[in-house]
Amino acid sequence: MYAIIRTGGKQYRVRQGDRIAIERIEAEEGAEVTLSDVLLVGDEAGTTVGAPTVDGASVTALVEAHSRAKKVTYYDFKNKTRRERMVGHKHHQTELLITAITAG
């Protein structure tokens, strides 16, 4: 069984046992969270597509860690003034272990 979930403005395809890194959510490490914004649920019997979400469907996950992603850098240059700078940042993320998918 698999599901398409939406969190942090992005969509993820998950199965039970998958580890994913999503945008930071407010939860303690080791806590269980329920993601109820499920857009699609599929298994051997067929696929259920939500409009926009599947009623009663949810994904349960375990919060493994809070971390930061790799550094994203970009170069900024203004031609006429010859101004230049290197800019960068790291996104905050939460690492989840998918424990269960409920079709609803």
PDB file of N, CA and C in Angstrom:
ATOM      1  N   MET A   1       0.847  -1.167   0.000  1.00  0.00           N
ATOM      2  CA  MET A   1       0.000   0.000   0.000  1.00  0.00           C
ATOM      3  C   MET A   1       0.900   1.240   0.000  1.00  0.00           C
ATOM      4  N   TYR A   2       0.487   2.253  -0.731  1.00  0.00           N
ATOM      5  CA  TYR A   2       1.230   3.510  -0.767  1.00  0.00           C
ATOM      6  C   TYR A   2       0.254   4.669  -0.698  1.00  0.00           C
ATOM      7  N   ALA A   3       0.772   5.845  -0.423  1.00  0.00           N
ATOM      8  CA  ALA A   3      -0.058   7.044  -0.325  1.00  0.00           C
ATOM      9  C   ALA A   3       0.735   8.245  -0.814  1.00  0.00           C
ATOM     10  N   ILE A   4       0.008   9.238  -1.296  1.00  0.00           N
ATOM     11  CA  ILE A   4       0.592  10.531  -1.641  1.00  0.00           C
ATOM     12  C   ILE A   4       0.107  11.509  -0.573  1.00  0.00           C
ATOM     13  N   ILE A   5       1.049  12.110   0.166  1.00  0.00           N
ATOM     14  CA  ILE A   5       0.688  13.056   1.212  1.00  0.00           C
ATOM     15  C   ILE A   5       1.197  14.438   0.846  1.00  0.00           C
ATOM     16  N   ARG A   6       0.562  15.455   1.447  1.00  0.00           N
ATOM     17  CA  ARG A   6       0.988  16.831   1.221  1.00  0.00           C
ATOM     18  C   ARG A   6       1.322  17.451   2.570  1.00  0.00           C
ATOM     19  N   THR A   7       2.542  17.971   2.673  1.00  0.00           N
ATOM     20  CA  THR A   7       2.963  18.667   3.878  1.00  0.00           C
ATOM     21  C   THR A   7       4.048  19.673   3.518  1.00  0.00           C
ATOM     22  N   GLY A   8       3.978  20.846   4.099  1.00  0.00           N
ATOM     23  CA  GLY A   8       4.984  21.877   3.843  1.00  0.00           C
ATOM     24  C   GLY A   8       4.966  22.381   2.418  1.00  0.00           C
ATOM     25  N   GLY A   9       3.823  22.291   1.730  1.00  0.00           N
ATOM     26  CA  GLY A   9       3.722  22.764   0.357  1.00  0.00           C
ATOM     27  C   GLY A   9       4.298  21.809  -0.669  1.00  0.00           C
ATOM     28  N   LYS A  10       4.679  20.606  -0.241  1.00  0.00           N
ATOM     29  CA  LYS A  10       5.245  19.612  -1.150  1.00  0.00           C
ATOM     30  C   LYS A  10       4.465  18.312  -1.033  1.00  0.00           C
ATOM     31  N   GLN A  11       4.592  17.457  -2.037  1.00  0.00           N
ATOM     32  CA  GLN A  11       3.913  16.168  -2.032  1.00  0.00           C
ATOM     33  C   GLN A  11       4.946  15.049  -2.004  1.00  0.00           C
ATOM     34  N   TYR A  12       4.641  13.985  -1.245  1.00  0.00           N
ATOM     35  CA  TYR A  12       5.554  12.864  -1.084  1.00  0.00           C
ATOM     36  C   TYR A  12       4.802  11.563  -1.306  1.00  0.00           C
ATOM     37  N   ARG A  13       5.434  10.610  -1.992  1.00  0.00           N
ATOM     38  CA  ARG A  13       4.893   9.262  -2.159  1.00  0.00           C
ATOM     39  C   ARG A  13       5.545   8.396  -1.099  1.00  0.00           C
ATOM     40  N   VAL A  14       4.729   7.809  -0.227  1.00  0.00           N
ATOM     41  CA  VAL A  14       5.273   7.062   0.911  1.00  0.00           C
ATOM     42  C   VAL A  14       4.676   5.663   0.982  1.00  0.00           C
ATOM     43  N   ARG A  15       5.444   4.743   1.532  1.00  0.00           N
ATOM     44  CA  ARG A  15       5.024   3.386   1.862  1.00  0.00           C
ATOM     45  C   ARG A  15       5.377   3.147   3.322  1.00  0.00           C
ATOM     46  N   GLN A  16       4.812   2.108   3.894  1.00  0.00           N
ATOM     47  CA  GLN A  16       5.149   1.766   5.263  1.00  0.00           C
ATOM     48  C   GLN A  16       6.622   1.376   5.340  1.00  0.00           C
ATOM     49  N   GLY A  17       7.343   1.942   6.307  1.00  0.00           N
ATOM     50  CA  GLY A  17       8.766   1.677   6.470  1.00  0.00           C
ATOM     51  C   GLY A  17       9.673   2.696   5.801  1.00  0.00           C
ATOM     52  N   ASP A  18       9.122   3.613   4.994  1.00  0.00           N
ATOM     53  CA  ASP A  18       9.931   4.639   4.334  1.00  0.00           C
ATOM     54  C   ASP A  18      10.416   5.681   5.337  1.00  0.00           C
ATOM     55  N   ARG A  19      11.582   6.252   5.053  1.00  0.00           N
ATOM     56  CA  ARG A  19      12.102   7.377   5.810  1.00  0.00           C
ATOM     57  C   ARG A  19      12.121   8.574   4.871  1.00  0.00           C
ATOM     58  N   ILE A  20      11.490   9.679   5.291  1.00  0.00           N
ATOM     59  CA  ILE A  20      11.447  10.880   4.464  1.00  0.00           C
ATOM     60  C   ILE A  20      11.872  12.087   5.296  1.00  0.00           C
ATOM     61  N   ALA A  21      12.360  13.116   4.623  1.00  0.00           N
ATOM     62  CA  ALA A  21      12.708  14.383   5.256  1.00  0.00           C
ATOM     63  C   ALA A  21      11.746  15.433   4.720  1.00  0.00           C
ATOM     64  N   ILE A  22      10.990  16.063   5.622  1.00  0.00           N
ATOM     65  CA  ILE A  22       9.997  17.060   5.236  1.00  0.00           C
ATOM     66  C   ILE A  22      10.352  18.393   5.874  1.00  0.00           C
ATOM     67  N   GLU A  23       9.599  19.447   5.522  1.00  0.00           N
ATOM     68  CA  GLU A  23       9.768  20.740   6.168  1.00  0.00           C
ATOM     69  C   GLU A  23       9.517  20.580   7.666  1.00  0.00           C
ATOM     70  N   ARG A  24      10.184  21.371   8.474  1.00  0.00           N
ATOM     71  CA  ARG A  24      10.118  21.260   9.929  1.00  0.00           C
ATOM     72  C   ARG A  24       8.675  21.348  10.419  1.00  0.00           C
ATOM     73  N   ILE A  25       8.284  20.402  11.285  1.00  0.00           N
ATOM     74  CA  ILE A  25       6.988  20.438  11.952  1.00  0.00           C
ATOM     75  C   ILE A  25       7.225  20.493  13.457  1.00  0.00           C
ATOM     76  N   GLU A  26       6.259  21.018  14.175  1.00  0.00           N
ATOM     77  CA  GLU A  26       6.379  21.155  15.626  1.00  0.00           C
ATOM     78  C   GLU A  26       5.972  19.855  16.291  1.00  0.00           C
ATOM     79  N   ALA A  27       6.933  19.005  16.589  1.00  0.00           N
ATOM     80  CA  ALA A  27       6.713  17.743  17.298  1.00  0.00           C
ATOM     81  C   ALA A  27       8.018  17.340  17.957  1.00  0.00           C
ATOM     82  N   GLU A  28       7.911  16.694  19.090  1.00  0.00           N
ATOM     83  CA  GLU A  28       9.095  16.231  19.802  1.00  0.00           C
ATOM     84  C   GLU A  28       9.701  15.019  19.100  1.00  0.00           C
ATOM     85  N   GLU A  29      11.010  14.842  19.237  1.00  0.00           N
ATOM     86  CA  GLU A  29      11.661  13.646  18.691  1.00  0.00           C
ATOM     87  C   GLU A  29      11.154  12.424  19.442  1.00  0.00           C
ATOM     88  N   GLY A  30      10.818  11.371  18.707  1.00  0.00           N
ATOM     89  CA  GLY A  30      10.274  10.160  19.298  1.00  0.00           C
ATOM     90  C   GLY A  30       8.759  10.149  19.375  1.00  0.00           C
ATOM     91  N   ALA A  31       8.112  11.264  19.047  1.00  0.00           N
ATOM     92  CA  ALA A  31       6.650  11.347  19.105  1.00  0.00           C
ATOM     93  C   ALA A  31       6.044  10.807  17.808  1.00  0.00           C
ATOM     94  N   GLU A  32       4.794  10.351  17.913  1.00  0.00           N
ATOM     95  CA  GLU A  32       4.062   9.910  16.721  1.00  0.00           C
ATOM     96  C   GLU A  32       3.205  11.058  16.223  1.00  0.00           C
ATOM     97  N   VAL A  33       3.211  11.274  14.912  1.00  0.00           N
ATOM     98  CA  VAL A  33       2.376  12.306  14.300  1.00  0.00           C
ATOM     99  C   VAL A  33       1.465  11.652  13.272  1.00  0.00           C
ATOM    100  N   THR A  34       0.296  12.258  13.090  1.00  0.00           N
ATOM    101  CA  THR A  34      -0.658  11.777  12.101  1.00  0.00           C
ATOM    102  C   THR A  34      -0.794  12.832  11.019  1.00  0.00           C
ATOM    103  N   LEU A  35      -0.517  12.448   9.787  1.00  0.00           N
ATOM    104  CA  LEU A  35      -0.650  13.342   8.640  1.00  0.00           C
ATOM    105  C   LEU A  35      -1.962  13.009   7.953  1.00  0.00           C
ATOM    106  N   SER A  36      -2.914  13.931   8.009  1.00  0.00           N
ATOM    107  CA  SER A  36      -4.251  13.651   7.486  1.00  0.00           C
ATOM    108  C   SER A  36      -4.496  14.239   6.102  1.00  0.00           C
ATOM    109  N   ASP A  37      -3.521  14.950   5.567  1.00  0.00           N
ATOM    110  CA  ASP A  37      -3.665  15.553   4.237  1.00  0.00           C
ATOM    111  C   ASP A  37      -3.210  14.541   3.177  1.00  0.00           C
ATOM    112  N   VAL A  38      -4.002  13.482   2.982  1.00  0.00           N
ATOM    113  CA  VAL A  38      -3.687  12.389   2.057  1.00  0.00           C
ATOM    114  C   VAL A  38      -4.420  12.632   0.744  1.00  0.00           C
ATOM    115  N   LEU A  39      -3.679  12.739  -0.348  1.00  0.00           N
ATOM    116  CA  LEU A  39      -4.269  13.047  -1.648  1.00  0.00           C
ATOM    117  C   LEU A  39      -4.652  11.810  -2.437  1.00  0.00           C
ATOM    118  N   LEU A  40      -3.959  10.674  -2.193  1.00  0.00           N
ATOM    119  CA  LEU A  40      -4.191   9.457  -2.959  1.00  0.00           C
ATOM    120  C   LEU A  40      -3.761   8.257  -2.132  1.00  0.00           C
ATOM    121  N   VAL A  41      -4.526   7.182  -2.213  1.00  0.00           N
ATOM    122  CA  VAL A  41      -4.163   5.925  -1.560  1.00  0.00           C
ATOM    123  C   VAL A  41      -4.274   4.830  -2.598  1.00  0.00           C
ATOM    124  N   GLY A  42      -3.233   3.996  -2.714  1.00  0.00           N
ATOM    125  CA  GLY A  42      -3.241   2.923  -3.696  1.00  0.00           C
ATOM    126  C   GLY A  42      -2.759   1.621  -3.109  1.00  0.00           C
ATOM    127  N   ASP A  43      -3.336   0.511  -3.594  1.00  0.00           N
ATOM    128  CA  ASP A  43      -2.888  -0.821  -3.208  1.00  0.00           C
ATOM    129  C   ASP A  43      -3.189  -1.776  -4.358  1.00  0.00           C
ATOM    130  N   GLU A  44      -3.095  -3.084  -4.088  1.00  0.00           N
ATOM    131  CA  GLU A  44      -3.319  -4.070  -5.152  1.00  0.00           C
ATOM    132  C   GLU A  44      -4.752  -4.022  -5.677  1.00  0.00           C
ATOM    133  N   ALA A  45      -5.702  -3.688  -4.823  1.00  0.00           N
ATOM    134  CA  ALA A  45      -7.116  -3.668  -5.217  1.00  0.00           C
ATOM    135  C   ALA A  45      -7.457  -2.487  -6.116  1.00  0.00           C
ATOM    136  N   GLY A  46      -6.759  -1.392  -5.968  1.00  0.00           N
ATOM    137  CA  GLY A  46      -7.051  -0.227  -6.791  1.00  0.00           C
ATOM    138  C   GLY A  46      -6.510   1.042  -6.168  1.00  0.00           C
ATOM    139  N   THR A  47      -6.919   2.163  -6.746  1.00  0.00           N
ATOM    140  CA  THR A  47      -6.442   3.461  -6.317  1.00  0.00           C
ATOM    141  C   THR A  47      -7.624   4.342  -5.960  1.00  0.00           C
ATOM    142  N   THR A  48      -7.509   5.053  -4.838  1.00  0.00           N
ATOM    143  CA  THR A  48      -8.526   6.010  -4.426  1.00  0.00           C
ATOM    144  C   THR A  48      -7.926   7.397  -4.511  1.00  0.00           C
ATOM    145  N   VAL A  49      -8.533   8.247  -5.338  1.00  0.00           N
ATOM    146  CA  VAL A  49      -8.053   9.605  -5.532  1.00  0.00           C
ATOM    147  C   VAL A  49      -8.989  10.546  -4.792  1.00  0.00           C
ATOM    148  N   GLY A  50      -8.436  11.454  -4.014  1.00  0.00           N
ATOM    149  CA  GLY A  50      -9.235  12.401  -3.258  1.00  0.00           C
ATOM    150  C   GLY A  50      -9.622  13.603  -4.076  1.00  0.00           C
ATOM    151  N   ALA A  51     -10.622  14.327  -3.554  1.00  0.00           N
ATOM    152  CA  ALA A  51     -11.064  15.537  -4.223  1.00  0.00           C
ATOM    153  C   ALA A  51     -11.258  16.644  -3.193  1.00  0.00           C
ATOM    154  N   PRO A  52     -10.278  17.315  -2.673  1.00  0.00           N
ATOM    155  CA  PRO A  52      -8.850  17.179  -2.918  1.00  0.00           C
ATOM    156  C   PRO A  52      -8.171  16.127  -2.041  1.00  0.00           C
ATOM    157  N   THR A  53      -8.796  15.716  -0.916  1.00  0.00           N
ATOM    158  CA  THR A  53      -8.172  14.704  -0.064  1.00  0.00           C
ATOM    159  C   THR A  53      -9.086  13.502   0.062  1.00  0.00           C
ATOM    160  N   VAL A  54      -8.516  12.374   0.443  1.00  0.00           N
ATOM    161  CA  VAL A  54      -9.274  11.142   0.649  1.00  0.00           C
ATOM    162  C   VAL A  54      -9.899  11.198   2.038  1.00  0.00           C
ATOM    163  N   ASP A  55     -11.224  11.025   2.124  1.00  0.00           N
ATOM    164  CA  ASP A  55     -11.925  11.095   3.405  1.00  0.00           C
ATOM    165  C   ASP A  55     -11.525   9.930   4.305  1.00  0.00           C
ATOM    166  N   GLY A  56     -11.155  10.229   5.533  1.00  0.00           N
ATOM    167  CA  GLY A  56     -10.823   9.211   6.520  1.00  0.00           C
ATOM    168  C   GLY A  56      -9.437   8.609   6.391  1.00  0.00           C
ATOM    169  N   ALA A  57      -8.685   8.986   5.385  1.00  0.00           N
ATOM    170  CA  ALA A  57      -7.340   8.424   5.198  1.00  0.00           C
ATOM    171  C   ALA A  57      -6.329   9.218   6.014  1.00  0.00           C
ATOM    172  N   SER A  58      -5.321   8.511   6.537  1.00  0.00           N
ATOM    173  CA  SER A  58      -4.266   9.175   7.293  1.00  0.00           C
ATOM    174  C   SER A  58      -2.995   8.350   7.218  1.00  0.00           C
ATOM    175  N   VAL A  59      -1.888   9.008   7.499  1.00  0.00           N
ATOM    176  CA  VAL A  59      -0.581   8.359   7.541  1.00  0.00           C
ATOM    177  C   VAL A  59       0.016   8.648   8.915  1.00  0.00           C
ATOM    178  N   THR A  60       0.435   7.605   9.601  1.00  0.00           N
ATOM    179  CA  THR A  60       1.052   7.744  10.914  1.00  0.00           C
ATOM    180  C   THR A  60       2.560   7.599  10.763  1.00  0.00           C
ATOM    181  N   ALA A  61       3.288   8.505  11.418  1.00  0.00           N
ATOM    182  CA  ALA A  61       4.747   8.501  11.295  1.00  0.00           C
ATOM    183  C   ALA A  61       5.383   8.775  12.647  1.00  0.00           C
ATOM    184  N   LEU A  62       6.624   8.328  12.783  1.00  0.00           N
ATOM    185  CA  LEU A  62       7.409   8.535  13.991  1.00  0.00           C
ATOM    186  C   LEU A  62       8.474   9.590  13.695  1.00  0.00           C
ATOM    187  N   VAL A  63       8.563  10.608  14.529  1.00  0.00           N
ATOM    188  CA  VAL A  63       9.557  11.666  14.345  1.00  0.00           C
ATOM    189  C   VAL A  63      10.901  11.130  14.822  1.00  0.00           C
ATOM    190  N   GLU A  64      11.840  10.974  13.892  1.00  0.00           N
ATOM    191  CA  GLU A  64      13.165  10.450  14.245  1.00  0.00           C
ATOM    192  C   GLU A  64      14.124  11.543  14.673  1.00  0.00           C
ATOM    193  N   ALA A  65      14.140  12.660  13.941  1.00  0.00           N
ATOM    194  CA  ALA A  65      15.098  13.721  14.270  1.00  0.00           C
ATOM    195  C   ALA A  65      14.689  15.027  13.609  1.00  0.00           C
ATOM    196  N   HIS A  66      15.189  16.117  14.170  1.00  0.00           N
ATOM    197  CA  HIS A  66      15.107  17.437  13.554  1.00  0.00           C
ATOM    198  C   HIS A  66      16.524  17.782  13.103  1.00  0.00           C
ATOM    199  N   SER A  67      16.664  18.224  11.867  1.00  0.00           N
ATOM    200  CA  SER A  67      17.994  18.514  11.349  1.00  0.00           C
ATOM    201  C   SER A  67      17.922  19.675  10.371  1.00  0.00           C
ATOM    202  N   ARG A  68      19.037  19.915   9.714  1.00  0.00           N
ATOM    203  CA  ARG A  68      19.098  20.941   8.675  1.00  0.00           C
ATOM    204  C   ARG A  68      19.625  20.300   7.400  1.00  0.00           C
ATOM    205  N   ALA A  69      19.092  20.727   6.273  1.00  0.00           N
ATOM    206  CA  ALA A  69      19.479  20.174   4.980  1.00  0.00           C
ATOM    207  C   ALA A  69      20.848  20.708   4.562  1.00  0.00           C
ATOM    208  N   LYS A  70      21.341  20.231   3.424  1.00  0.00           N
ATOM    209  CA  LYS A  70      22.596  20.746   2.891  1.00  0.00           C
ATOM    210  C   LYS A  70      22.462  22.231   2.582  1.00  0.00           C
ATOM    211  N   LYS A  71      23.568  22.937   2.636  1.00  0.00           N
ATOM    212  CA  LYS A  71      23.554  24.365   2.406  1.00  0.00           C
ATOM    213  C   LYS A  71      23.261  24.681   0.941  1.00  0.00           C
ATOM    214  N   VAL A  72      22.347  25.629   0.734  1.00  0.00           N
ATOM    215  CA  VAL A  72      22.009  26.109  -0.602  1.00  0.00           C
ATOM    216  C   VAL A  72      22.701  27.457  -0.762  1.00  0.00           C
ATOM    217  N   THR A  73      23.564  27.585  -1.782  1.00  0.00           N
ATOM    218  CA  THR A  73      24.279  28.840  -1.994  1.00  0.00           C
ATOM    219  C   THR A  73      23.964  29.390  -3.377  1.00  0.00           C
ATOM    220  N   TYR A  74      24.016  30.711  -3.475  1.00  0.00           N
ATOM    221  CA  TYR A  74      23.896  31.349  -4.785  1.00  0.00           C
ATOM    222  C   TYR A  74      24.712  32.629  -4.787  1.00  0.00           C
ATOM    223  N   TYR A  75      25.069  33.059  -5.979  1.00  0.00           N
ATOM    224  CA  TYR A  75      25.950  34.196  -6.182  1.00  0.00           C
ATOM    225  C   TYR A  75      25.127  35.361  -6.691  1.00  0.00           C
ATOM    226  N   ASP A  76      25.275  36.536  -6.060  1.00  0.00           N
ATOM    227  CA  ASP A  76      24.520  37.732  -6.423  1.00  0.00           C
ATOM    228  C   ASP A  76      25.508  38.775  -6.959  1.00  0.00           C
ATOM    229  N   PHE A  77      25.245  39.304  -8.169  1.00  0.00           N
ATOM    230  CA  PHE A  77      26.163  40.249  -8.806  1.00  0.00           C
ATOM    231  C   PHE A  77      25.375  41.353  -9.487  1.00  0.00           C
ATOM    232  N   LYS A  78      25.749  42.604  -9.219  1.00  0.00           N
ATOM    233  CA  LYS A  78      25.147  43.760  -9.885  1.00  0.00           C
ATOM    234  C   LYS A  78      26.187  44.346 -10.830  1.00  0.00           C
ATOM    235  N   ASN A  79      25.858  44.434 -12.098  1.00  0.00           N
ATOM    236  CA  ASN A  79      26.832  44.773 -13.127  1.00  0.00           C
ATOM    237  C   ASN A  79      27.347  46.202 -13.030  1.00  0.00           C
ATOM    238  N   LYS A  80      26.486  47.191 -13.016  1.00  0.00           N
ATOM    239  CA  LYS A  80      26.931  48.586 -13.101  1.00  0.00           C
ATOM    240  C   LYS A  80      27.710  49.031 -11.858  1.00  0.00           C
ATOM    241  N   THR A  81      27.317  48.536 -10.706  1.00  0.00           N
ATOM    242  CA  THR A  81      27.991  48.953  -9.476  1.00  0.00           C
ATOM    243  C   THR A  81      29.105  47.995  -9.065  1.00  0.00           C
ATOM    244  N   ARG A  82      29.236  46.879  -9.747  1.00  0.00           N
ATOM    245  CA  ARG A  82      30.254  45.865  -9.475  1.00  0.00           C
ATOM    246  C   ARG A  82      30.107  45.276  -8.064  1.00  0.00           C
ATOM    247  N   ARG A  83      28.887  45.254  -7.576  1.00  0.00           N
ATOM    248  CA  ARG A  83      28.616  44.711  -6.248  1.00  0.00           C
ATOM    249  C   ARG A  83      28.419  43.203  -6.369  1.00  0.00           C
ATOM    250  N   GLU A  84      29.049  42.446  -5.496  1.00  0.00           N
ATOM    251  CA  GLU A  84      28.905  41.001  -5.531  1.00  0.00           C
ATOM    252  C   GLU A  84      28.893  40.437  -4.120  1.00  0.00           C
ATOM    253  N   ARG A  85      28.184  39.330  -3.962  1.00  0.00           N
ATOM    254  CA  ARG A  85      28.159  38.651  -2.672  1.00  0.00           C
ATOM    255  C   ARG A  85      27.720  37.205  -2.862  1.00  0.00           C
ATOM    256  N   MET A  86      28.145  36.371  -1.950  1.00  0.00           N
ATOM    257  CA  MET A  86      27.750  34.968  -1.929  1.00  0.00           C
ATOM    258  C   MET A  86      26.746  34.803  -0.792  1.00  0.00           C
ATOM    259  N   VAL A  87      25.604  34.258  -1.102  1.00  0.00           N
ATOM    260  CA  VAL A  87      24.522  34.138  -0.127  1.00  0.00           C
ATOM    261  C   VAL A  87      24.175  32.668   0.022  1.00  0.00           C
ATOM    262  N   GLY A  88      23.825  32.241   1.236  1.00  0.00           N
ATOM    263  CA  GLY A  88      23.445  30.857   1.444  1.00  0.00           C
ATOM    264  C   GLY A  88      22.586  30.685   2.678  1.00  0.00           C
ATOM    265  N   HIS A  89      21.904  29.542   2.742  1.00  0.00           N
ATOM    266  CA  HIS A  89      21.096  29.207   3.906  1.00  0.00           C
ATOM    267  C   HIS A  89      20.883  27.693   3.946  1.00  0.00           C
ATOM    268  N   LYS A  90      20.395  27.204   5.092  1.00  0.00           N
ATOM    269  CA  LYS A  90      20.058  25.792   5.254  1.00  0.00           C
ATOM    270  C   LYS A  90      18.600  25.692   5.680  1.00  0.00           C
ATOM    271  N   HIS A  91      17.849  24.798   5.044  1.00  0.00           N
ATOM    272  CA  HIS A  91      16.454  24.584   5.413  1.00  0.00           C
ATOM    273  C   HIS A  91      16.374  23.709   6.654  1.00  0.00           C
ATOM    274  N   HIS A  92      15.449  24.014   7.543  1.00  0.00           N
ATOM    275  CA  HIS A  92      15.175  23.167   8.698  1.00  0.00           C
ATOM    276  C   HIS A  92      14.258  22.040   8.240  1.00  0.00           C
ATOM    277  N   GLN A  93      14.520  20.826   8.688  1.00  0.00           N
ATOM    278  CA  GLN A  93      13.709  19.699   8.260  1.00  0.00           C
ATOM    279  C   GLN A  93      13.484  18.719   9.403  1.00  0.00           C
ATOM    280  N   THR A  94      12.459  17.886   9.234  1.00  0.00           N
ATOM    281  CA  THR A  94      12.128  16.842  10.185  1.00  0.00           C
ATOM    282  C   THR A  94      12.211  15.514   9.454  1.00  0.00           C
ATOM    283  N   GLU A  95      12.875  14.543  10.060  1.00  0.00           N
ATOM    284  CA  GLU A  95      13.003  13.221   9.456  1.00  0.00           C
ATOM    285  C   GLU A  95      11.960  12.297  10.077  1.00  0.00           C
ATOM    286  N   LEU A  96      11.147  11.668   9.207  1.00  0.00           N
ATOM    287  CA  LEU A  96      10.055  10.820   9.651  1.00  0.00           C
ATOM    288  C   LEU A  96      10.259   9.384   9.215  1.00  0.00           C
ATOM    289  N   LEU A  97       9.754   8.435  10.021  1.00  0.00           N
ATOM    290  CA  LEU A  97       9.672   7.031   9.668  1.00  0.00           C
ATOM    291  C   LEU A  97       8.180   6.705   9.567  1.00  0.00           C
ATOM    292  N   ILE A  98       7.725   6.289   8.378  1.00  0.00           N
ATOM    293  CA  ILE A  98       6.310   5.996   8.155  1.00  0.00           C
ATOM    294  C   ILE A  98       6.001   4.651   8.809  1.00  0.00           C
ATOM    295  N   THR A  99       5.038   4.643   9.739  1.00  0.00           N
ATOM    296  CA  THR A  99       4.715   3.415  10.463  1.00  0.00           C
ATOM    297  C   THR A  99       3.424   2.770   9.978  1.00  0.00           C
ATOM    298  N   ALA A 100       2.444   3.557   9.519  1.00  0.00           N
ATOM    299  CA  ALA A 100       1.168   2.975   9.094  1.00  0.00           C
ATOM    300  C   ALA A 100       0.445   3.887   8.115  1.00  0.00           C
ATOM    301  N   ILE A 101      -0.314   3.273   7.213  1.00  0.00           N
ATOM    302  CA  ILE A 101      -1.172   4.001   6.277  1.00  0.00           C
ATOM    303  C   ILE A 101      -2.584   3.468   6.459  1.00  0.00           C
ATOM    304  N   THR A 102      -3.524   4.367   6.753  1.00  0.00           N
ATOM    305  CA  THR A 102      -4.917   3.995   6.942  1.00  0.00           C
ATOM    306  C   THR A 102      -5.711   4.523   5.753  1.00  0.00           C
ATOM    307  N   ALA A 103      -6.406   3.618   5.057  1.00  0.00           N
ATOM    308  CA  ALA A 103      -7.130   4.007   3.838  1.00  0.00           C
ATOM    309  C   ALA A 103      -8.431   4.730   4.138  1.00  0.00           C
ATOM    310  N   GLY A 104      -9.036   4.486   5.261  1.00  0.00           N
ATOM    311  CA  GLY A 104     -10.256   5.208   5.633  1.00  0.00           C
ATOM    312  C   GLY A 104     -11.482   4.660   5.143  1.00  0.00           C
TER     313      GLY A 104
END
